[in-house]
Amino acid sequence: MTDGTYIMDSWNIAKAIEKDHPSPCLHLDSPLREKVEGHLISGRAALKPIYVPNVVRRLLKECNHAYWHETRSNLLGMPIDQFEKEYGGNGKPYKAAAPDFQAVTTILKENPEGPFFMGSTISYTDFIWAGFLIFCRRIGDDVFQSVLETTGDAATHLKLLRALEPWSERDDH
């Protein structure tokens, strides 16, 4: 922050930005945010067997691998490779995430003025969902395409991502 303090967690960052810069409004109090966030949390949890092993394989530098394996294995209660083998096969994670991601699709399509959750009005809700999709794309096209397929309407989500390109075009970090 401008006063030299640091804030972690996107929700806390969004609240601080909204406080210091209330216009344009991020619509943090939107009931859509709570709905989408609930489905995102549940769907993302179902995909742990996909993304936890692939973050270390595809995104992290080698110097971070040991830390990732140690901390995530502790959280999972077993080694990452074992978790992936036991829970990640036969598309089970995507099938488990499908109801939540399809619910997000329904919410996104509710306002026909689109492409945003609030129609033509951008909000924090758009950024949390798009952030997840961009994360999946960074893991790999295979994961990204599978997640899009799981939503039941890939075109709707791609339209949202295109609309957010002015805020996401710097995708190099």
N, C-alpha and C. Protein backbone atom coordinates (compact mmCIF):
# COMPACT_ATOMS: atom_id res chain seq x y z
N MET A 1 0.85 -1.17 0.00
CA MET A 1 0.00 0.00 0.00
C MET A 1 0.90 1.24 0.00
N THR A 2 0.31 2.37 -0.24
CA THR A 2 1.10 3.60 -0.30
C THR A 2 1.75 3.95 1.03
N ASP A 3 1.20 3.43 2.14
CA ASP A 3 1.78 3.72 3.46
C ASP A 3 2.86 2.71 3.85
N GLY A 4 3.20 1.80 2.93
CA GLY A 4 4.25 0.83 3.19
C GLY A 4 3.77 -0.48 3.78
N THR A 5 2.48 -0.60 4.07
CA THR A 5 1.95 -1.85 4.59
C THR A 5 1.70 -2.82 3.45
N TYR A 6 1.62 -4.09 3.80
CA TYR A 6 1.37 -5.14 2.84
C TYR A 6 0.07 -5.83 3.19
N ILE A 7 -0.65 -6.27 2.17
CA ILE A 7 -1.90 -6.99 2.36
C ILE A 7 -1.82 -8.27 1.55
N MET A 8 -2.26 -9.37 2.15
CA MET A 8 -2.31 -10.64 1.44
C MET A 8 -3.76 -11.09 1.35
N ASP A 9 -4.06 -11.95 0.40
CA ASP A 9 -5.37 -12.52 0.14
C ASP A 9 -6.18 -11.55 -0.72
N SER A 10 -6.67 -12.06 -1.82
CA SER A 10 -7.34 -11.20 -2.79
C SER A 10 -8.56 -10.49 -2.21
N TRP A 11 -9.29 -11.13 -1.30
CA TRP A 11 -10.46 -10.49 -0.69
C TRP A 11 -10.04 -9.26 0.13
N ASN A 12 -8.99 -9.40 0.92
CA ASN A 12 -8.50 -8.27 1.72
C ASN A 12 -7.95 -7.16 0.82
N ILE A 13 -7.29 -7.55 -0.24
CA ILE A 13 -6.76 -6.57 -1.19
C ILE A 13 -7.92 -5.82 -1.85
N ALA A 14 -8.94 -6.55 -2.27
CA ALA A 14 -10.10 -5.91 -2.91
C ALA A 14 -10.79 -4.93 -1.97
N LYS A 15 -10.93 -5.31 -0.70
CA LYS A 15 -11.56 -4.40 0.27
C LYS A 15 -10.73 -3.13 0.45
N ALA A 16 -9.42 -3.27 0.49
CA ALA A 16 -8.54 -2.10 0.64
C ALA A 16 -8.62 -1.19 -0.59
N ILE A 17 -8.63 -1.79 -1.76
CA ILE A 17 -8.74 -1.00 -2.99
C ILE A 17 -10.08 -0.27 -3.02
N GLU A 18 -11.14 -0.96 -2.68
CA GLU A 18 -12.48 -0.36 -2.67
C GLU A 18 -12.55 0.81 -1.68
N LYS A 19 -11.88 0.66 -0.54
CA LYS A 19 -11.87 1.72 0.47
C LYS A 19 -11.11 2.95 -0.04
N ASP A 20 -9.94 2.71 -0.60
CA ASP A 20 -9.09 3.82 -1.05
C ASP A 20 -9.52 4.40 -2.39
N HIS A 21 -10.14 3.58 -3.22
CA HIS A 21 -10.56 4.01 -4.57
C HIS A 21 -11.97 3.49 -4.83
N PRO A 22 -12.99 4.15 -4.26
CA PRO A 22 -14.36 3.63 -4.36
C PRO A 22 -14.97 3.68 -5.76
N SER A 23 -14.32 4.36 -6.67
CA SER A 23 -14.86 4.43 -8.02
C SER A 23 -13.76 4.03 -9.01
N PRO A 24 -14.04 3.10 -9.90
CA PRO A 24 -15.30 2.40 -10.07
C PRO A 24 -15.51 1.35 -8.98
N CYS A 25 -16.75 1.12 -8.67
CA CYS A 25 -17.13 0.19 -7.61
C CYS A 25 -16.82 -1.25 -8.03
N LEU A 26 -16.31 -2.04 -7.08
CA LEU A 26 -16.02 -3.45 -7.33
C LEU A 26 -17.21 -4.36 -7.01
N HIS A 27 -18.26 -3.79 -6.42
CA HIS A 27 -19.47 -4.54 -6.05
C HIS A 27 -19.13 -5.74 -5.17
N LEU A 28 -18.37 -5.46 -4.13
CA LEU A 28 -17.93 -6.51 -3.21
C LEU A 28 -19.10 -7.12 -2.45
N ASP A 29 -20.17 -6.37 -2.27
CA ASP A 29 -21.31 -6.86 -1.51
C ASP A 29 -22.35 -7.57 -2.38
N SER A 30 -22.02 -7.81 -3.63
CA SER A 30 -22.95 -8.47 -4.55
C SER A 30 -23.24 -9.89 -4.09
N PRO A 31 -24.52 -10.28 -4.03
CA PRO A 31 -24.84 -11.67 -3.70
C PRO A 31 -24.30 -12.65 -4.74
N LEU A 32 -24.06 -12.17 -5.95
CA LEU A 32 -23.46 -13.03 -6.97
C LEU A 32 -22.07 -13.48 -6.56
N ARG A 33 -21.33 -12.59 -5.91
CA ARG A 33 -19.98 -12.94 -5.48
C ARG A 33 -20.02 -14.13 -4.54
N GLU A 34 -20.91 -14.09 -3.58
CA GLU A 34 -20.99 -15.19 -2.61
C GLU A 34 -21.37 -16.50 -3.29
N LYS A 35 -22.31 -16.44 -4.22
CA LYS A 35 -22.72 -17.65 -4.94
C LYS A 35 -21.56 -18.22 -5.75
N VAL A 36 -20.95 -17.36 -6.55
CA VAL A 36 -19.86 -17.82 -7.41
C VAL A 36 -18.69 -18.32 -6.57
N GLU A 37 -18.36 -17.58 -5.53
CA GLU A 37 -17.25 -17.97 -4.67
C GLU A 37 -17.50 -19.33 -4.02
N GLY A 38 -18.73 -19.58 -3.59
CA GLY A 38 -19.07 -20.87 -3.00
C GLY A 38 -18.87 -22.01 -3.99
N HIS A 39 -19.34 -21.81 -5.22
CA HIS A 39 -19.17 -22.85 -6.24
C HIS A 39 -17.70 -22.99 -6.64
N LEU A 40 -16.98 -21.89 -6.67
CA LEU A 40 -15.56 -21.94 -7.01
C LEU A 40 -14.79 -22.73 -5.96
N ILE A 41 -15.05 -22.45 -4.71
CA ILE A 41 -14.34 -23.15 -3.62
C ILE A 41 -14.60 -24.65 -3.70
N SER A 42 -15.85 -25.02 -3.88
CA SER A 42 -16.22 -26.44 -3.94
C SER A 42 -15.65 -27.12 -5.20
N GLY A 43 -15.80 -26.47 -6.34
CA GLY A 43 -15.28 -27.05 -7.58
C GLY A 43 -13.77 -27.14 -7.60
N ARG A 44 -13.13 -26.11 -7.07
CA ARG A 44 -11.66 -26.12 -7.01
C ARG A 44 -11.17 -27.24 -6.08
N ALA A 45 -11.87 -27.47 -4.99
CA ALA A 45 -11.50 -28.56 -4.08
C ALA A 45 -11.57 -29.90 -4.80
N ALA A 46 -12.58 -30.07 -5.64
CA ALA A 46 -12.71 -31.33 -6.39
C ALA A 46 -11.54 -31.52 -7.36
N LEU A 47 -10.95 -30.42 -7.81
CA LEU A 47 -9.85 -30.50 -8.78
C LEU A 47 -8.46 -30.59 -8.15
N LYS A 48 -8.39 -30.67 -6.83
CA LYS A 48 -7.07 -30.78 -6.19
C LYS A 48 -6.21 -31.89 -6.78
N PRO A 49 -6.77 -33.07 -7.07
CA PRO A 49 -5.92 -34.12 -7.65
C PRO A 49 -5.35 -33.77 -9.03
N ILE A 50 -5.92 -32.75 -9.66
CA ILE A 50 -5.42 -32.29 -10.95
C ILE A 50 -4.38 -31.19 -10.76
N TYR A 51 -4.75 -30.16 -10.01
CA TYR A 51 -3.85 -28.99 -9.98
C TYR A 51 -2.70 -29.09 -9.00
N VAL A 52 -2.87 -29.77 -7.88
CA VAL A 52 -1.76 -29.83 -6.91
C VAL A 52 -0.53 -30.49 -7.54
N PRO A 53 -0.65 -31.65 -8.19
CA PRO A 53 0.55 -32.24 -8.80
C PRO A 53 1.07 -31.44 -10.00
N ASN A 54 0.16 -30.79 -10.72
CA ASN A 54 0.60 -30.07 -11.91
C ASN A 54 1.21 -28.71 -11.61
N VAL A 55 0.90 -28.12 -10.49
CA VAL A 55 1.56 -26.86 -10.13
C VAL A 55 3.06 -27.10 -9.99
N VAL A 56 3.43 -28.17 -9.31
CA VAL A 56 4.85 -28.45 -9.11
C VAL A 56 5.50 -28.89 -10.43
N ARG A 57 4.79 -29.65 -11.24
CA ARG A 57 5.37 -30.13 -12.50
C ARG A 57 5.51 -29.03 -13.55
N ARG A 58 4.53 -28.16 -13.60
CA ARG A 58 4.44 -27.25 -14.75
C ARG A 58 4.68 -25.77 -14.44
N LEU A 59 4.53 -25.37 -13.19
CA LEU A 59 4.60 -23.94 -12.89
C LEU A 59 5.78 -23.53 -12.03
N LEU A 60 6.10 -24.31 -11.03
CA LEU A 60 7.11 -23.90 -10.06
C LEU A 60 8.52 -24.15 -10.56
N LYS A 61 9.42 -23.29 -10.16
CA LYS A 61 10.84 -23.51 -10.42
C LYS A 61 11.30 -24.66 -9.54
N GLU A 62 12.32 -25.35 -9.99
CA GLU A 62 12.80 -26.53 -9.28
C GLU A 62 13.19 -26.23 -7.84
N CYS A 63 13.69 -25.03 -7.59
CA CYS A 63 14.11 -24.69 -6.22
C CYS A 63 12.92 -24.66 -5.25
N ASN A 64 11.70 -24.62 -5.76
CA ASN A 64 10.50 -24.59 -4.91
C ASN A 64 9.82 -25.95 -4.77
N HIS A 65 10.29 -26.95 -5.49
CA HIS A 65 9.63 -28.25 -5.49
C HIS A 65 9.58 -28.90 -4.11
N ALA A 66 10.69 -28.91 -3.40
CA ALA A 66 10.74 -29.58 -2.10
C ALA A 66 9.73 -28.95 -1.13
N TYR A 67 9.68 -27.63 -1.10
CA TYR A 67 8.73 -26.94 -0.22
C TYR A 67 7.29 -27.29 -0.59
N TRP A 68 6.98 -27.27 -1.88
CA TRP A 68 5.62 -27.58 -2.33
C TRP A 68 5.25 -29.02 -1.94
N HIS A 69 6.16 -29.95 -2.21
CA HIS A 69 5.88 -31.35 -1.86
C HIS A 69 5.66 -31.51 -0.36
N GLU A 70 6.51 -30.90 0.44
CA GLU A 70 6.39 -31.03 1.89
C GLU A 70 5.08 -30.42 2.40
N THR A 71 4.81 -29.19 2.03
CA THR A 71 3.63 -28.51 2.58
C THR A 71 2.33 -29.11 2.05
N ARG A 72 2.26 -29.43 0.77
CA ARG A 72 1.02 -29.98 0.22
C ARG A 72 0.80 -31.42 0.66
N SER A 73 1.86 -32.18 0.77
CA SER A 73 1.72 -33.55 1.27
C SER A 73 1.19 -33.54 2.70
N ASN A 74 1.68 -32.60 3.51
CA ASN A 74 1.17 -32.47 4.89
C ASN A 74 -0.31 -32.11 4.89
N LEU A 75 -0.72 -31.19 4.03
CA LEU A 75 -2.13 -30.80 3.95
C LEU A 75 -3.01 -31.94 3.45
N LEU A 76 -2.49 -32.72 2.52
CA LEU A 76 -3.26 -33.81 1.93
C LEU A 76 -3.25 -35.07 2.78
N GLY A 77 -2.28 -35.16 3.68
CA GLY A 77 -2.16 -36.36 4.51
C GLY A 77 -1.50 -37.52 3.80
N MET A 78 -0.88 -37.27 2.67
CA MET A 78 -0.17 -38.31 1.90
C MET A 78 0.69 -37.62 0.85
N PRO A 79 1.66 -38.33 0.30
CA PRO A 79 2.46 -37.74 -0.77
C PRO A 79 1.59 -37.31 -1.96
N ILE A 80 2.01 -36.26 -2.63
CA ILE A 80 1.24 -35.73 -3.76
C ILE A 80 1.01 -36.79 -4.83
N ASP A 81 2.04 -37.56 -5.17
CA ASP A 81 1.89 -38.59 -6.21
C ASP A 81 0.84 -39.62 -5.82
N GLN A 82 0.82 -40.01 -4.56
CA GLN A 82 -0.18 -40.96 -4.09
C GLN A 82 -1.58 -40.35 -4.16
N PHE A 83 -1.71 -39.10 -3.77
CA PHE A 83 -2.99 -38.39 -3.83
C PHE A 83 -3.51 -38.35 -5.27
N GLU A 84 -2.61 -38.05 -6.19
CA GLU A 84 -3.00 -38.00 -7.60
C GLU A 84 -3.46 -39.37 -8.09
N LYS A 85 -2.73 -40.43 -7.73
CA LYS A 85 -3.09 -41.78 -8.17
C LYS A 85 -4.43 -42.22 -7.58
N GLU A 86 -4.64 -41.92 -6.31
CA GLU A 86 -5.86 -42.37 -5.65
C GLU A 86 -7.11 -41.59 -6.05
N TYR A 87 -6.94 -40.31 -6.33
CA TYR A 87 -8.12 -39.46 -6.54
C TYR A 87 -8.21 -38.79 -7.91
N GLY A 88 -7.18 -38.91 -8.73
CA GLY A 88 -7.15 -38.14 -9.96
C GLY A 88 -7.48 -38.87 -11.24
N GLY A 89 -7.72 -40.16 -11.19
CA GLY A 89 -7.90 -40.93 -12.41
C GLY A 89 -9.29 -40.88 -13.00
N ASN A 90 -9.36 -41.28 -14.27
CA ASN A 90 -10.62 -41.45 -15.00
C ASN A 90 -11.50 -40.21 -15.03
N GLY A 91 -10.91 -39.05 -14.96
CA GLY A 91 -11.69 -37.82 -15.04
C GLY A 91 -12.57 -37.56 -13.84
N LYS A 92 -12.37 -38.32 -12.76
CA LYS A 92 -13.22 -38.16 -11.56
C LYS A 92 -13.24 -36.73 -11.02
N PRO A 93 -12.10 -36.05 -10.95
CA PRO A 93 -12.14 -34.68 -10.42
C PRO A 93 -13.02 -33.74 -11.25
N TYR A 94 -12.94 -33.86 -12.57
CA TYR A 94 -13.75 -33.00 -13.43
C TYR A 94 -15.24 -33.32 -13.27
N LYS A 95 -15.55 -34.60 -13.16
CA LYS A 95 -16.95 -34.99 -12.95
C LYS A 95 -17.46 -34.45 -11.62
N ALA A 96 -16.61 -34.48 -10.61
CA ALA A 96 -17.01 -33.97 -9.29
C ALA A 96 -17.19 -32.45 -9.30
N ALA A 97 -16.38 -31.76 -10.10
CA ALA A 97 -16.46 -30.29 -10.17
C ALA A 97 -17.60 -29.81 -11.06
N ALA A 98 -18.08 -30.66 -11.95
CA ALA A 98 -19.06 -30.26 -12.96
C ALA A 98 -20.30 -29.56 -12.39
N PRO A 99 -20.95 -30.08 -11.36
CA PRO A 99 -22.15 -29.38 -10.87
C PRO A 99 -21.86 -27.94 -10.43
N ASP A 100 -20.74 -27.73 -9.77
CA ASP A 100 -20.39 -26.38 -9.33
C ASP A 100 -20.06 -25.48 -10.51
N PHE A 101 -19.27 -25.97 -11.44
CA PHE A 101 -18.87 -25.14 -12.57
C PHE A 101 -20.05 -24.87 -13.50
N GLN A 102 -20.96 -25.82 -13.62
CA GLN A 102 -22.16 -25.58 -14.42
C GLN A 102 -23.08 -24.58 -13.72
N ALA A 103 -23.09 -24.58 -12.39
CA ALA A 103 -23.85 -23.57 -11.65
C ALA A 103 -23.27 -22.18 -11.90
N VAL A 104 -21.94 -22.07 -11.98
CA VAL A 104 -21.31 -20.79 -12.30
C VAL A 104 -21.74 -20.35 -13.70
N THR A 105 -21.79 -21.27 -14.63
CA THR A 105 -22.24 -20.95 -15.99
C THR A 105 -23.66 -20.39 -15.96
N THR A 106 -24.52 -21.03 -15.21
CA THR A 106 -25.91 -20.56 -15.10
C THR A 106 -25.96 -19.14 -14.55
N ILE A 107 -25.18 -18.88 -13.52
CA ILE A 107 -25.15 -17.54 -12.92
C ILE A 107 -24.60 -16.53 -13.92
N LEU A 108 -23.55 -16.89 -14.64
CA LEU A 108 -22.94 -15.99 -15.62
C LEU A 108 -23.91 -15.65 -16.75
N LYS A 109 -24.76 -16.58 -17.10
CA LYS A 109 -25.70 -16.37 -18.21
C LYS A 109 -27.01 -15.71 -17.77
N GLU A 110 -27.21 -15.54 -16.46
CA GLU A 110 -28.48 -14.98 -15.97
C GLU A 110 -28.74 -13.57 -16.49
N ASN A 111 -27.70 -12.78 -16.62
CA ASN A 111 -27.87 -11.41 -17.10
C ASN A 111 -27.50 -11.37 -18.58
N PRO A 112 -28.50 -11.25 -19.45
CA PRO A 112 -28.23 -11.33 -20.89
C PRO A 112 -27.44 -10.15 -21.45
N GLU A 113 -27.24 -9.11 -20.65
CA GLU A 113 -26.45 -7.97 -21.12
C GLU A 113 -24.96 -8.30 -21.14
N GLY A 114 -24.56 -9.40 -20.51
CA GLY A 114 -23.20 -9.92 -20.43
C GLY A 114 -22.12 -9.07 -21.05
N PRO A 115 -20.91 -9.44 -20.99
CA PRO A 115 -20.34 -10.75 -20.71
C PRO A 115 -20.03 -11.01 -19.24
N PHE A 116 -20.26 -9.98 -18.39
CA PHE A 116 -19.89 -10.09 -16.99
C PHE A 116 -21.03 -10.68 -16.16
N PHE A 117 -20.73 -11.08 -14.95
CA PHE A 117 -21.76 -11.63 -14.08
C PHE A 117 -22.89 -10.63 -13.84
N MET A 118 -22.54 -9.35 -13.82
CA MET A 118 -23.54 -8.30 -13.63
C MET A 118 -23.90 -7.66 -14.97
N GLY A 119 -23.86 -8.44 -16.04
CA GLY A 119 -24.22 -7.93 -17.36
C GLY A 119 -23.09 -7.13 -17.97
N SER A 120 -23.32 -5.84 -18.14
CA SER A 120 -22.29 -4.98 -18.74
C SER A 120 -21.42 -4.32 -17.68
N THR A 121 -21.68 -4.63 -16.40
CA THR A 121 -20.93 -4.04 -15.29
C THR A 121 -19.90 -5.02 -14.77
N ILE A 122 -18.65 -4.62 -14.78
CA ILE A 122 -17.58 -5.46 -14.27
C ILE A 122 -17.58 -5.43 -12.74
N SER A 123 -17.21 -6.55 -12.13
CA SER A 123 -17.18 -6.62 -10.67
C SER A 123 -16.07 -7.56 -10.21
N TYR A 124 -15.85 -7.56 -8.92
CA TYR A 124 -14.87 -8.45 -8.30
C TYR A 124 -15.19 -9.91 -8.63
N THR A 125 -16.46 -10.23 -8.72
CA THR A 125 -16.88 -11.60 -9.04
C THR A 125 -16.26 -12.06 -10.35
N ASP A 126 -16.22 -11.18 -11.33
CA ASP A 126 -15.61 -11.53 -12.62
C ASP A 126 -14.14 -11.88 -12.47
N PHE A 127 -13.46 -11.13 -11.62
CA PHE A 127 -12.03 -11.36 -11.44
C PHE A 127 -11.73 -12.64 -10.68
N ILE A 128 -12.57 -13.00 -9.70
CA ILE A 128 -12.25 -14.24 -8.98
C ILE A 128 -12.48 -15.46 -9.87
N TRP A 129 -13.54 -15.44 -10.68
CA TRP A 129 -13.78 -16.57 -11.56
C TRP A 129 -12.73 -16.60 -12.69
N ALA A 130 -12.49 -15.46 -13.30
CA ALA A 130 -11.51 -15.41 -14.38
C ALA A 130 -10.11 -15.75 -13.87
N GLY A 131 -9.80 -15.35 -12.66
CA GLY A 131 -8.50 -15.69 -12.08
C GLY A 131 -8.31 -17.19 -11.99
N PHE A 132 -9.38 -17.89 -11.63
CA PHE A 132 -9.31 -19.35 -11.58
C PHE A 132 -9.11 -19.92 -12.98
N LEU A 133 -9.85 -19.42 -13.96
CA LEU A 133 -9.70 -19.91 -15.33
C LEU A 133 -8.30 -19.64 -15.87
N ILE A 134 -7.76 -18.47 -15.57
CA ILE A 134 -6.40 -18.13 -16.02
C ILE A 134 -5.38 -19.04 -15.34
N PHE A 135 -5.59 -19.33 -14.07
CA PHE A 135 -4.73 -20.28 -13.35
C PHE A 135 -4.74 -21.64 -14.06
N CYS A 136 -5.92 -22.11 -14.43
CA CYS A 136 -6.03 -23.39 -15.12
C CYS A 136 -5.32 -23.34 -16.47
N ARG A 137 -5.45 -22.23 -17.17
CA ARG A 137 -4.78 -22.07 -18.46
C ARG A 137 -3.27 -22.09 -18.29
N ARG A 138 -2.79 -21.48 -17.21
CA ARG A 138 -1.34 -21.47 -16.94
C ARG A 138 -0.83 -22.88 -16.64
N ILE A 139 -1.64 -23.70 -15.99
CA ILE A 139 -1.22 -25.08 -15.72
C ILE A 139 -1.03 -25.82 -17.03
N GLY A 140 -1.91 -25.60 -17.97
CA GLY A 140 -1.78 -26.25 -19.27
C GLY A 140 -3.08 -26.27 -20.02
N ASP A 141 -2.97 -26.29 -21.34
CA ASP A 141 -4.17 -26.27 -22.18
C ASP A 141 -5.06 -27.48 -21.92
N ASP A 142 -4.46 -28.61 -21.57
CA ASP A 142 -5.27 -29.80 -21.29
C ASP A 142 -6.19 -29.56 -20.09
N VAL A 143 -5.66 -28.96 -19.04
CA VAL A 143 -6.45 -28.66 -17.84
C VAL A 143 -7.47 -27.58 -18.17
N PHE A 144 -7.04 -26.53 -18.84
CA PHE A 144 -7.92 -25.42 -19.19
C PHE A 144 -9.10 -25.90 -20.03
N GLN A 145 -8.82 -26.68 -21.07
CA GLN A 145 -9.90 -27.16 -21.94
C GLN A 145 -10.84 -28.09 -21.18
N SER A 146 -10.30 -28.91 -20.30
CA SER A 146 -11.15 -29.80 -19.50
C SER A 146 -12.05 -29.02 -18.56
N VAL A 147 -11.52 -27.97 -17.95
CA VAL A 147 -12.34 -27.13 -17.07
C VAL A 147 -13.42 -26.43 -17.88
N LEU A 148 -13.05 -25.87 -19.04
CA LEU A 148 -14.06 -25.22 -19.89
C LEU A 148 -15.16 -26.20 -20.28
N GLU A 149 -14.77 -27.41 -20.64
CA GLU A 149 -15.75 -28.43 -21.00
C GLU A 149 -16.67 -28.74 -19.81
N THR A 150 -16.09 -28.77 -18.63
CA THR A 150 -16.84 -29.08 -17.42
C THR A 150 -17.89 -28.02 -17.11
N THR A 151 -17.67 -26.78 -17.58
CA THR A 151 -18.64 -25.71 -17.31
C THR A 151 -19.94 -25.90 -18.06
N GLY A 152 -19.91 -26.70 -19.12
CA GLY A 152 -21.11 -26.92 -19.92
C GLY A 152 -21.31 -25.90 -21.03
N ASP A 153 -20.53 -24.83 -21.04
CA ASP A 153 -20.64 -23.80 -22.08
C ASP A 153 -19.33 -23.01 -22.14
N ALA A 154 -18.36 -23.58 -22.79
CA ALA A 154 -17.03 -22.96 -22.86
C ALA A 154 -17.09 -21.57 -23.46
N ALA A 155 -17.93 -21.36 -24.47
CA ALA A 155 -17.98 -20.07 -25.17
C ALA A 155 -18.33 -18.93 -24.22
N THR A 156 -19.21 -19.17 -23.28
CA THR A 156 -19.60 -18.12 -22.33
C THR A 156 -18.40 -17.69 -21.48
N HIS A 157 -17.60 -18.63 -21.07
CA HIS A 157 -16.45 -18.33 -20.22
C HIS A 157 -15.31 -17.70 -21.03
N LEU A 158 -15.15 -18.13 -22.26
CA LEU A 158 -14.15 -17.51 -23.13
C LEU A 158 -14.53 -16.06 -23.43
N LYS A 159 -15.81 -15.80 -23.57
CA LYS A 159 -16.28 -14.43 -23.79
C LYS A 159 -15.95 -13.55 -22.58
N LEU A 160 -16.13 -14.08 -21.38
CA LEU A 160 -15.76 -13.35 -20.17
C LEU A 160 -14.26 -13.07 -20.16
N LEU A 161 -13.45 -14.07 -20.46
CA LEU A 161 -12.00 -13.88 -20.47
C LEU A 161 -11.58 -12.83 -21.49
N ARG A 162 -12.20 -12.85 -22.66
CA ARG A 162 -11.88 -11.83 -23.68
C ARG A 162 -12.24 -10.44 -23.18
N ALA A 163 -13.37 -10.31 -22.51
CA ALA A 163 -13.79 -9.00 -21.99
C ALA A 163 -12.85 -8.50 -20.91
N LEU A 164 -12.18 -9.41 -20.22
CA LEU A 164 -11.27 -9.03 -19.14
C LEU A 164 -9.82 -8.87 -19.61
N GLU A 165 -9.57 -9.03 -20.88
CA GLU A 165 -8.20 -8.94 -21.38
C GLU A 165 -7.50 -7.63 -21.04
N PRO A 166 -8.19 -6.48 -21.01
CA PRO A 166 -7.46 -5.27 -20.60
C PRO A 166 -6.83 -5.38 -19.21
N TRP A 167 -7.38 -6.23 -18.35
CA TRP A 167 -6.86 -6.39 -17.00
C TRP A 167 -5.98 -7.64 -16.87
N SER A 168 -6.00 -8.52 -17.85
CA SER A 168 -5.25 -9.78 -17.73
C SER A 168 -4.22 -9.98 -18.84
N GLU A 169 -4.07 -9.01 -19.73
CA GLU A 169 -3.17 -9.23 -20.86
C GLU A 169 -1.72 -9.38 -20.43
N ARG A 170 -1.33 -8.78 -19.32
CA ARG A 170 0.02 -9.01 -18.81
C ARG A 170 -0.02 -10.32 -18.03
N ASP A 171 0.32 -11.38 -18.72
CA ASP A 171 0.19 -12.73 -18.17
C ASP A 171 1.56 -13.40 -18.15
N ASP A 172 2.56 -12.67 -17.63
CA ASP A 172 3.92 -13.17 -17.69
C ASP A 172 4.55 -13.35 -16.31
N HIS A 173 3.74 -13.48 -15.29
CA HIS A 173 4.29 -13.64 -13.95
C HIS A 173 3.37 -14.46 -13.08
